[in-house]
Amino acid sequence: MKKQHHFRSVFFFLTCAVAASQAMAGTTACIGITPGNWSSPGSWLCTTSSGIPEADTNVQLGADITLDVDASINSLEISNGVTLLVANSPSGLTLNIGSSGSDINQGQINLLGDLSIQSNGFLEMGLVDGGFALNLQTTGSIDLDQTIGGITPLSSISLDSDINITTVSANVTTSGAQTYHNVLGLNDDITLTAGEVNLYDKVESHTGNATGFNLVIDGNVNIFNNTGVRAQQGNRGNQLNLLGFTVNGTTLIDSKGPVNVITDGKQEYFGAMTITADTTFESTGGSLLKFWEDIDASGHHLVFNTSGNTYFTDANFLGDVIIQAASVTTDAGGTTVVEFRADFQVNSDDTATTFNDAVRIGPSTFMEVNQTGAADTVFNDQVFQTSGGQKYLEVNDVSGQTIFNGDVFLGSLITNDGAGDDVTIINTASITMDQGASN
């Protein structure tokens, strides 16, 4: 009697699946009922003539199944607690899903080989683990609802959606590259851990609290295609402010047009930066902007906007931080803080390097501005020192003027163009040096 009861239950289950398959535009149905290979009829209870899933089949995994062949189906659902295993194949395996969408976020995928999922609709992913590559391509949205690579990091992941949105609700970990071809929307504070993270479109908070979410990239990041990282000013649909942005590796901003890196909260960059376009770093909430290594933006203009502190310091301490750019501009209301040694190497004939905020030079610190173009170097607010050790400011402006519009209190001040014909303009009531000055 038990066997008869089990048969009737499975028959009822299959009948429901057939009805569901018709509702989902599929004409056949397969239920994975026995752990085994995808290519084995013994793993399935199917209405297909082959006994395994076919292109018009709606598939539900009720048992662990190993994908051992390339497959085309209409839709896929993985039951809670069930795993789709992906066998190792020399060229990787491909799963084509033809329906308007598949929700597989209740189950898990374990990669024993590379996997490409190509979907003709949305794709909602669950847990994925395994030291191999995952490639997701859809005509709809991609939602990473669960942790990716949380136990065993993937070797790489690439996501590409025709409607240009990928949402991430949990951390993603790979040993190699992560590539996001579309807008990356955060549904929580997210850490992307990778050899490198490639961003080809904007990054923003997608849903959740009104202050937005933090993005931490534990690795190197490459920002392409004049997109950048942004915070919306107020709400636009479901998109909210990105709260903070931290990069623990190097940063490449490679663009043919201007880039804005805008957050409501702080930004911090622990590695060297290479920038190929005019770039603005901005904290709309007046939080910290901090740079720990060299910035090479040769030939391009850099703008730093925050009512808080913009820090230029050295990760190894007592070393040099070199900022190469056409010009550097800071906005009023905040403070530029230089610690240890910072060398601003600027070269512009028409755009002055302008510190509109106060400049604070830390203990035992040397700040140098080398202007090799014809533009001026301007300090529109006070320039002052903190206690401890020697504090120096040296401005070398070959053809332009050095202009002080705020009070100066330093250990030493040097202005020079190397040719003896430089001009220093002082529009302030107080300049104090406790160790000397020269022009």
Protein backbone atom coordinates (compact mmCIF):
# COMPACT_ATOMS: atom_id res chain seq x y z
CA MET A 1 0.00 0.00 0.00
CA LYS A 2 2.85 2.40 0.72
CA LYS A 3 4.24 1.94 -2.78
CA GLN A 4 0.82 2.57 -4.28
CA HIS A 5 0.43 5.69 -2.16
CA HIS A 6 3.90 6.94 -3.23
CA PHE A 7 3.03 6.31 -6.89
CA ARG A 8 -0.20 8.26 -6.58
CA SER A 9 1.64 11.15 -4.88
CA VAL A 10 4.23 11.33 -7.64
CA PHE A 11 1.51 11.02 -10.30
CA PHE A 12 -0.38 13.91 -8.68
CA PHE A 13 2.90 15.91 -8.50
CA LEU A 14 3.56 15.30 -12.18
CA THR A 15 -0.01 16.22 -13.12
CA CYS A 16 0.39 19.54 -11.31
CA ALA A 17 3.76 20.07 -13.05
CA VAL A 18 2.16 19.49 -16.45
CA ALA A 19 -0.51 22.06 -15.66
CA ALA A 20 2.18 24.47 -14.47
CA SER A 21 4.24 23.85 -17.59
CA GLN A 22 1.31 24.79 -19.79
CA ALA A 23 0.84 27.98 -17.76
CA MET A 24 4.52 28.77 -18.23
CA ALA A 25 4.39 28.22 -21.99
CA GLY A 26 6.15 24.88 -21.78
CA THR A 27 4.39 21.80 -23.18
CA THR A 28 6.20 19.14 -21.15
CA ALA A 29 7.41 18.75 -17.58
CA CYS A 30 10.21 16.93 -15.77
CA ILE A 31 10.70 16.47 -12.06
CA GLY A 32 14.07 15.38 -10.74
CA ILE A 33 13.15 12.65 -8.24
CA THR A 34 16.34 10.59 -7.87
CA PRO A 35 19.91 11.84 -7.43
CA GLY A 36 21.79 11.19 -10.66
CA ASN A 37 22.89 12.66 -13.98
CA TRP A 38 20.82 15.08 -16.05
CA SER A 39 21.27 12.82 -19.10
CA SER A 40 19.88 9.75 -17.31
CA PRO A 41 16.09 9.03 -17.62
CA GLY A 42 16.36 7.29 -14.25
CA SER A 43 16.81 10.67 -12.56
CA TRP A 44 13.50 12.05 -13.83
CA LEU A 45 9.78 11.66 -13.93
CA CYS A 46 8.94 13.28 -17.28
CA THR A 47 6.21 13.73 -19.86
CA THR A 48 8.83 13.97 -22.62
CA SER A 49 9.35 11.18 -25.13
CA SER A 50 13.06 10.98 -24.28
CA GLY A 51 12.51 10.71 -20.54
CA ILE A 52 14.80 13.67 -19.87
CA PRO A 53 14.24 17.46 -20.11
CA GLU A 54 13.85 18.94 -23.58
CA ALA A 55 13.69 22.49 -24.99
CA ASP A 56 9.96 22.91 -24.18
CA THR A 57 10.21 21.38 -20.70
CA ASN A 58 9.54 23.08 -17.39
CA VAL A 59 12.00 21.50 -14.97
CA GLN A 60 11.74 21.19 -11.21
CA LEU A 61 14.54 19.66 -9.19
CA GLY A 62 13.23 17.76 -6.20
CA ALA A 63 16.50 15.82 -5.83
CA ASP A 64 20.17 16.59 -6.40
CA ILE A 65 20.92 16.34 -10.11
CA THR A 66 24.30 16.58 -11.88
CA LEU A 67 24.30 18.59 -15.11
CA ASP A 68 26.60 16.45 -17.25
CA VAL A 69 25.59 17.68 -20.73
CA ASP A 70 24.66 20.94 -22.42
CA ALA A 71 20.90 21.36 -22.01
CA SER A 72 18.05 23.52 -23.32
CA ILE A 73 14.82 23.80 -21.31
CA ASN A 74 11.87 26.16 -20.96
CA SER A 75 12.18 26.96 -17.24
CA LEU A 76 13.98 25.81 -14.10
CA GLU A 77 13.02 25.69 -10.45
CA ILE A 78 15.27 24.26 -7.75
CA SER A 79 13.46 23.22 -4.57
CA ASN A 80 14.63 24.37 -1.15
CA GLY A 81 17.60 22.32 0.04
CA VAL A 82 18.24 20.78 -3.39
CA THR A 83 21.51 21.15 -5.32
CA LEU A 84 22.23 21.34 -9.02
CA LEU A 85 25.76 20.02 -9.47
CA VAL A 86 27.69 20.99 -12.60
CA ALA A 87 30.09 18.38 -13.94
CA ASN A 88 33.52 19.24 -15.24
CA SER A 89 33.68 19.52 -19.02
CA PRO A 90 36.74 20.61 -21.05
CA SER A 91 34.87 23.56 -22.60
CA GLY A 92 32.36 24.08 -19.79
CA LEU A 93 28.63 23.37 -19.86
CA THR A 94 25.76 25.56 -21.05
CA LEU A 95 22.19 25.64 -19.75
CA ASN A 96 19.77 27.49 -22.04
CA ILE A 97 16.50 28.61 -20.46
CA GLY A 98 13.89 29.72 -22.97
CA SER A 99 11.04 31.07 -20.84
CA SER A 100 10.36 34.56 -19.53
CA GLY A 101 12.18 33.82 -16.30
CA SER A 102 13.45 31.30 -13.77
CA ASP A 103 13.54 31.50 -9.99
CA ILE A 104 16.28 29.25 -8.68
CA ASN A 105 17.11 31.16 -5.51
CA GLN A 106 15.71 28.50 -3.15
CA GLY A 107 18.26 25.87 -4.08
CA GLN A 108 22.01 25.76 -4.61
CA ILE A 109 24.43 25.30 -7.50
CA ASN A 110 27.78 23.59 -6.90
CA LEU A 111 30.32 24.08 -9.65
CA LEU A 112 32.58 21.14 -10.38
CA GLY A 113 33.21 22.74 -13.78
CA ASP A 114 32.49 25.98 -15.67
CA LEU A 115 28.84 26.87 -16.26
CA SER A 116 27.11 29.31 -18.60
CA ILE A 117 23.40 30.04 -18.08
CA GLN A 118 21.65 31.81 -20.95
CA SER A 119 18.10 32.87 -20.16
CA ASN A 120 15.37 34.43 -22.28
CA GLY A 121 14.01 36.26 -19.22
CA PHE A 122 14.84 37.18 -15.64
CA LEU A 123 17.13 35.03 -13.54
CA GLU A 124 17.03 34.86 -9.74
CA MET A 125 20.06 33.04 -8.34
CA GLY A 126 20.50 31.23 -5.04
CA LEU A 127 23.68 29.99 -3.38
CA VAL A 128 26.55 29.18 -5.73
CA ASP A 129 29.88 27.61 -4.72
CA GLY A 130 32.83 25.96 -6.43
CA GLY A 131 36.17 26.98 -7.84
CA PHE A 132 35.02 27.40 -11.44
CA ALA A 133 33.60 30.11 -13.72
CA LEU A 134 29.96 31.20 -13.84
CA ASN A 135 28.65 33.19 -16.80
CA LEU A 136 25.09 34.60 -16.71
CA GLN A 137 23.48 36.14 -19.80
CA THR A 138 19.81 37.13 -19.82
CA THR A 139 17.28 39.23 -21.69
CA GLY A 140 15.79 40.15 -18.31
CA SER A 141 17.18 41.21 -14.97
CA ILE A 142 19.71 39.24 -12.94
CA ASP A 143 19.21 38.99 -9.18
CA LEU A 144 21.94 37.54 -6.97
CA ASP A 145 19.72 36.81 -3.97
CA GLN A 146 22.12 34.60 -2.00
CA THR A 147 25.85 34.45 -1.27
CA ILE A 148 28.09 33.59 -4.21
CA GLY A 149 31.36 31.79 -3.43
CA GLY A 150 30.81 31.97 0.32
CA ILE A 151 32.33 28.53 1.05
CA THR A 152 34.48 27.94 -2.04
CA PRO A 153 35.22 31.06 -4.10
CA LEU A 154 34.32 30.86 -7.77
CA SER A 155 37.20 31.29 -10.22
CA SER A 156 35.25 34.11 -11.92
CA ILE A 157 31.77 35.45 -12.58
CA SER A 158 30.41 37.50 -15.49
CA LEU A 159 26.92 39.00 -15.69
CA ASP A 160 25.23 40.58 -18.70
CA SER A 161 21.56 41.59 -18.87
CA ASP A 162 19.83 43.04 -21.92
CA ILE A 163 17.64 45.28 -19.73
CA ASN A 164 20.76 46.59 -18.03
CA ILE A 165 20.24 45.78 -14.35
CA THR A 166 21.87 43.35 -11.92
CA THR A 167 20.87 43.45 -8.26
CA VAL A 168 23.03 42.01 -5.49
CA SER A 169 21.66 41.10 -2.07
CA ALA A 170 24.66 39.19 -0.64
CA ASN A 171 28.44 39.09 -0.89
CA VAL A 172 30.22 37.73 -3.97
CA THR A 173 33.65 36.05 -3.73
CA THR A 174 35.89 34.94 -6.58
CA SER A 175 39.59 34.19 -6.88
CA GLY A 176 39.69 35.85 -10.29
CA ALA A 177 37.63 38.51 -12.03
CA GLN A 178 34.08 39.67 -11.43
CA THR A 179 32.57 41.47 -14.43
CA TYR A 180 29.33 43.45 -14.25
CA HIS A 181 28.26 44.71 -17.68
CA ASN A 182 25.13 46.47 -16.40
CA VAL A 183 23.92 48.83 -13.68
CA LEU A 184 24.80 47.20 -10.36
CA GLY A 185 22.07 47.76 -7.77
CA LEU A 186 22.76 47.02 -4.10
CA ASN A 187 20.02 45.63 -1.86
CA ASP A 188 22.29 45.54 1.20
CA ASP A 189 25.81 46.44 2.31
CA ILE A 190 27.91 44.38 -0.11
CA THR A 191 31.52 43.18 -0.28
CA LEU A 192 32.86 42.03 -3.65
CA THR A 193 36.03 40.00 -3.05
CA ALA A 194 38.00 39.30 -6.22
CA GLY A 195 41.29 39.50 -8.04
CA GLU A 196 39.64 42.36 -9.91
CA VAL A 197 36.15 43.78 -10.26
CA ASN A 198 35.17 45.22 -13.66
CA LEU A 199 32.31 47.76 -13.64
CA TYR A 200 30.92 48.70 -17.06
CA ASP A 201 27.93 50.67 -15.81
CA LYS A 202 26.73 52.62 -12.78
CA VAL A 203 26.63 51.38 -9.21
CA GLU A 204 23.87 52.50 -6.87
CA SER A 205 21.68 51.43 -3.99
CA HIS A 206 18.57 49.80 -5.41
CA THR A 207 16.12 49.26 -2.54
CA GLY A 208 16.15 49.45 1.23
CA ASN A 209 16.99 52.15 3.74
CA ALA A 210 16.86 55.77 2.63
CA THR A 211 20.56 56.35 3.35
CA GLY A 212 21.62 53.70 0.87
CA PHE A 213 24.21 50.93 1.19
CA ASN A 214 27.98 50.54 1.36
CA LEU A 215 30.05 48.85 -1.34
CA VAL A 216 33.45 47.39 -0.40
CA ILE A 217 35.70 46.00 -3.11
CA ASP A 218 38.29 43.69 -1.58
CA GLY A 219 40.64 43.62 -4.54
CA ASN A 220 41.35 45.80 -7.55
CA VAL A 221 38.60 47.67 -9.39
CA ASN A 222 38.33 48.83 -13.00
CA ILE A 223 35.66 51.44 -13.81
CA PHE A 224 34.92 51.76 -17.54
CA ASN A 225 32.75 53.71 -20.02
CA ASN A 226 32.28 57.11 -18.31
CA THR A 227 29.92 55.60 -15.77
CA GLY A 228 31.45 55.75 -12.33
CA VAL A 229 29.87 55.16 -8.98
CA ARG A 230 27.04 57.45 -8.06
CA ALA A 231 24.48 58.42 -5.49
CA GLN A 232 21.12 59.68 -6.67
CA GLN A 233 20.11 63.02 -5.23
CA GLY A 234 16.88 61.87 -3.64
CA ASN A 235 14.90 58.90 -4.90
CA ARG A 236 14.43 58.00 -8.54
CA GLY A 237 12.13 55.03 -8.70
CA ASN A 238 13.73 52.30 -6.60
CA GLN A 239 17.19 53.80 -6.80
CA LEU A 240 18.64 55.39 -3.66
CA ASN A 241 21.92 56.91 -2.53
CA LEU A 242 25.04 54.78 -2.41
CA LEU A 243 26.26 55.34 1.12
CA GLY A 244 29.98 54.49 1.03
CA PHE A 245 32.64 53.15 -1.34
CA THR A 246 35.89 51.45 -0.27
CA VAL A 247 38.55 49.88 -2.49
CA ASN A 248 41.21 47.76 -0.81
CA GLY A 249 43.26 47.30 -3.99
CA THR A 250 44.20 49.46 -6.96
CA THR A 251 41.69 51.58 -8.90
CA LEU A 252 41.58 52.12 -12.67
CA ILE A 253 39.14 54.67 -14.07
CA ASP A 254 39.29 54.23 -17.85
CA SER A 255 36.82 56.38 -19.74
CA LYS A 256 36.44 58.53 -22.85
CA GLY A 257 34.29 61.04 -20.96
CA PRO A 258 34.05 62.57 -17.47
CA VAL A 259 33.47 60.27 -14.52
CA ASN A 260 31.70 61.05 -11.25
CA VAL A 261 32.36 58.95 -8.16
CA ILE A 262 29.66 60.19 -5.81
CA THR A 263 28.53 58.82 -2.47
CA ASP A 264 26.46 60.13 0.39
CA GLY A 265 29.07 58.86 2.86
CA LYS A 266 32.80 58.24 2.82
CA GLN A 267 35.13 57.05 0.09
CA GLU A 268 38.47 55.39 0.82
CA TYR A 269 41.08 54.09 -1.61
CA PHE A 270 43.93 51.99 -0.19
CA GLY A 271 45.75 51.29 -3.47
CA ALA A 272 47.29 53.32 -6.26
CA MET A 273 44.94 54.93 -8.80
CA THR A 274 45.21 55.35 -12.58
CA ILE A 275 42.72 57.75 -14.17
CA THR A 276 42.26 58.44 -17.89
CA ALA A 277 39.45 61.02 -17.74
CA ASP A 278 38.40 64.14 -15.87
CA THR A 279 37.07 62.79 -12.57
CA THR A 280 35.10 64.15 -9.63
CA PHE A 281 35.14 62.49 -6.21
CA GLU A 282 32.26 63.74 -4.09
CA SER A 283 30.63 63.01 -0.75
CA THR A 284 27.26 64.75 -0.77
CA GLY A 285 26.90 64.14 2.97
CA GLY A 286 30.21 65.81 3.82
CA SER A 287 32.05 62.62 4.75
CA LEU A 288 35.67 61.58 4.38
CA LEU A 289 37.52 61.26 1.07
CA LYS A 290 40.81 59.43 1.72
CA PHE A 291 43.60 58.42 -0.65
CA TRP A 292 46.44 56.20 0.60
CA GLU A 293 48.58 55.85 -2.52
CA ASP A 294 49.63 57.66 -5.72
CA ILE A 295 47.06 59.04 -8.16
CA ASP A 296 48.14 59.13 -11.82
CA ALA A 297 45.64 61.27 -13.73
CA SER A 298 48.19 62.86 -16.03
CA GLY A 299 46.56 65.33 -18.45
CA HIS A 300 43.17 65.20 -16.70
CA HIS A 301 41.40 67.39 -14.16
CA LEU A 302 40.60 66.13 -10.65
CA VAL A 303 37.90 67.58 -8.39
CA PHE A 304 37.42 66.69 -4.72
CA ASN A 305 34.11 67.82 -3.21
CA THR A 306 33.19 67.33 0.43
CA SER A 307 32.41 69.55 3.39
CA GLY A 308 34.43 67.06 5.45
CA ASN A 309 38.12 66.11 5.13
CA THR A 310 39.97 65.12 1.97
CA TYR A 311 43.04 63.14 3.08
CA PHE A 312 46.22 62.49 1.12
CA THR A 313 48.44 60.21 3.16
CA ASP A 314 50.86 57.33 2.68
CA ALA A 315 50.02 53.69 3.32
CA ASN A 316 53.64 52.93 4.23
CA PHE A 317 53.99 56.09 6.33
CA LEU A 318 56.75 58.66 5.81
CA GLY A 319 56.69 57.97 2.07
CA ASP A 320 55.52 60.10 -0.84
CA VAL A 321 52.03 60.32 -2.28
CA ILE A 322 52.25 61.73 -5.80
CA ILE A 323 49.17 63.25 -7.42
CA GLN A 324 49.66 63.79 -11.16
CA ALA A 325 46.94 65.75 -12.97
CA ALA A 326 46.25 68.67 -15.27
CA SER A 327 44.72 70.44 -12.29
CA VAL A 328 43.38 69.78 -8.80
CA THR A 329 40.33 71.56 -7.36
CA THR A 330 38.75 71.23 -3.93
CA ASP A 331 35.44 72.79 -2.92
CA ALA A 332 34.91 75.25 -0.09
CA GLY A 333 33.74 74.29 3.37
CA GLY A 334 35.96 71.30 4.05
CA THR A 335 39.64 70.67 4.78
CA THR A 336 42.40 69.16 2.65
CA VAL A 337 44.68 67.20 4.98
CA VAL A 338 48.21 66.24 3.96
CA GLU A 339 50.15 63.73 6.06
CA PHE A 340 53.82 62.75 5.68
CA ARG A 341 54.54 63.91 2.10
CA ALA A 342 52.27 64.78 -0.81
CA ASP A 343 53.50 66.04 -4.16
CA PHE A 344 50.86 67.60 -6.45
CA GLN A 345 52.35 67.54 -9.95
CA VAL A 346 50.00 69.61 -12.11
CA ASN A 347 50.33 70.84 -15.67
CA SER A 348 47.63 73.08 -17.12
CA ASP A 349 47.78 76.28 -19.16
CA ASP A 350 44.20 77.39 -18.51
CA THR A 351 42.88 75.74 -15.31
CA ALA A 352 44.34 76.83 -11.99
CA THR A 353 45.01 74.33 -9.25
CA THR A 354 42.71 75.74 -6.59
CA PHE A 355 42.30 74.77 -2.95
CA ASN A 356 38.97 76.38 -2.07
CA ASP A 357 38.89 74.69 1.31
CA ALA A 358 41.35 75.01 4.18
CA VAL A 359 44.64 73.13 3.88
CA ARG A 360 46.01 71.39 6.97
CA ILE A 361 49.58 70.12 6.89
CA GLY A 362 50.26 67.39 9.43
CA PRO A 363 53.25 66.83 11.71
CA SER A 364 56.61 66.18 10.00
CA THR A 365 54.93 66.75 6.63
CA PHE A 366 56.08 68.24 3.35
CA MET A 367 53.45 69.42 0.85
CA GLU A 368 54.65 70.36 -2.60
CA VAL A 369 52.74 71.80 -5.57
CA ASN A 370 54.63 71.73 -8.87
CA GLN A 371 52.78 73.65 -11.60
CA THR A 372 54.59 73.26 -14.93
CA GLY A 373 51.81 74.84 -17.01
CA ALA A 374 50.88 78.50 -17.33
CA ALA A 375 47.96 78.36 -14.86
CA ASP A 376 48.01 79.74 -11.31
CA THR A 377 48.12 77.96 -7.98
CA VAL A 378 45.51 79.37 -5.60
CA PHE A 379 44.81 78.91 -1.89
CA ASN A 380 41.41 80.50 -1.12
CA ASP A 381 41.24 79.54 2.55
CA GLN A 382 43.69 79.24 5.40
CA VAL A 383 46.79 77.08 5.18
CA PHE A 384 47.83 75.87 8.61
CA GLN A 385 49.87 73.27 10.45
CA THR A 386 49.24 70.82 13.26
CA SER A 387 51.66 70.40 16.13
CA GLY A 388 54.67 68.10 16.02
CA GLY A 389 57.74 68.10 13.76
CA GLN A 390 58.48 70.29 10.77
CA LYS A 391 55.75 71.41 8.37
CA TYR A 392 56.64 72.67 4.90
CA LEU A 393 54.73 74.02 1.93
CA GLU A 394 56.60 74.52 -1.33
CA VAL A 395 54.88 75.89 -4.45
CA ASN A 396 56.78 75.81 -7.74
CA ASP A 397 54.72 77.59 -10.41
CA VAL A 398 56.77 78.04 -13.57
CA SER A 399 54.64 80.56 -15.46
CA GLY A 400 51.62 81.32 -13.34
CA GLN A 401 51.08 83.07 -10.04
CA THR A 402 50.95 81.68 -6.52
CA ILE A 403 48.04 83.31 -4.72
CA PHE A 404 47.17 83.19 -1.01
CA ASN A 405 43.68 84.50 -0.15
CA GLY A 406 43.61 83.09 3.38
CA ASP A 407 45.79 83.20 6.48
CA VAL A 408 48.97 81.12 6.51
CA PHE A 409 50.52 79.55 9.58
CA LEU A 410 53.31 77.07 8.81
CA GLY A 411 56.77 75.99 9.75
CA SER A 412 58.20 76.94 6.35
CA LEU A 413 56.86 78.37 3.09
CA ILE A 414 58.74 78.37 -0.24
CA THR A 415 57.46 79.78 -3.53
CA ASN A 416 59.67 79.42 -6.57
CA ASP A 417 59.60 78.90 -10.34
CA GLY A 418 63.25 78.10 -10.82
CA ALA A 419 63.73 81.11 -13.14
CA GLY A 420 63.64 83.89 -10.60
CA ASP A 421 60.66 85.69 -12.14
CA ASP A 422 57.82 84.07 -10.22
CA VAL A 423 55.00 86.12 -8.70
CA THR A 424 53.44 85.50 -5.30
CA ILE A 425 50.28 87.41 -4.43
CA ILE A 426 49.26 87.71 -0.79
CA ASN A 427 45.69 88.80 -0.14
CA THR A 428 45.57 88.06 3.56
CA ALA A 429 46.26 89.83 6.83
CA SER A 430 48.38 87.10 8.41
CA ILE A 431 51.26 84.95 7.24
CA THR A 432 53.25 83.29 10.02
CA MET A 433 56.22 80.94 9.68
CA ASP A 434 58.07 79.64 12.71
CA GLN A 435 60.92 78.15 10.68
CA GLY A 436 61.36 80.50 7.72
CA ALA A 437 60.12 81.49 4.29
CA SER A 438 61.59 82.26 0.86
CA ASN A 439 60.42 83.41 -2.54
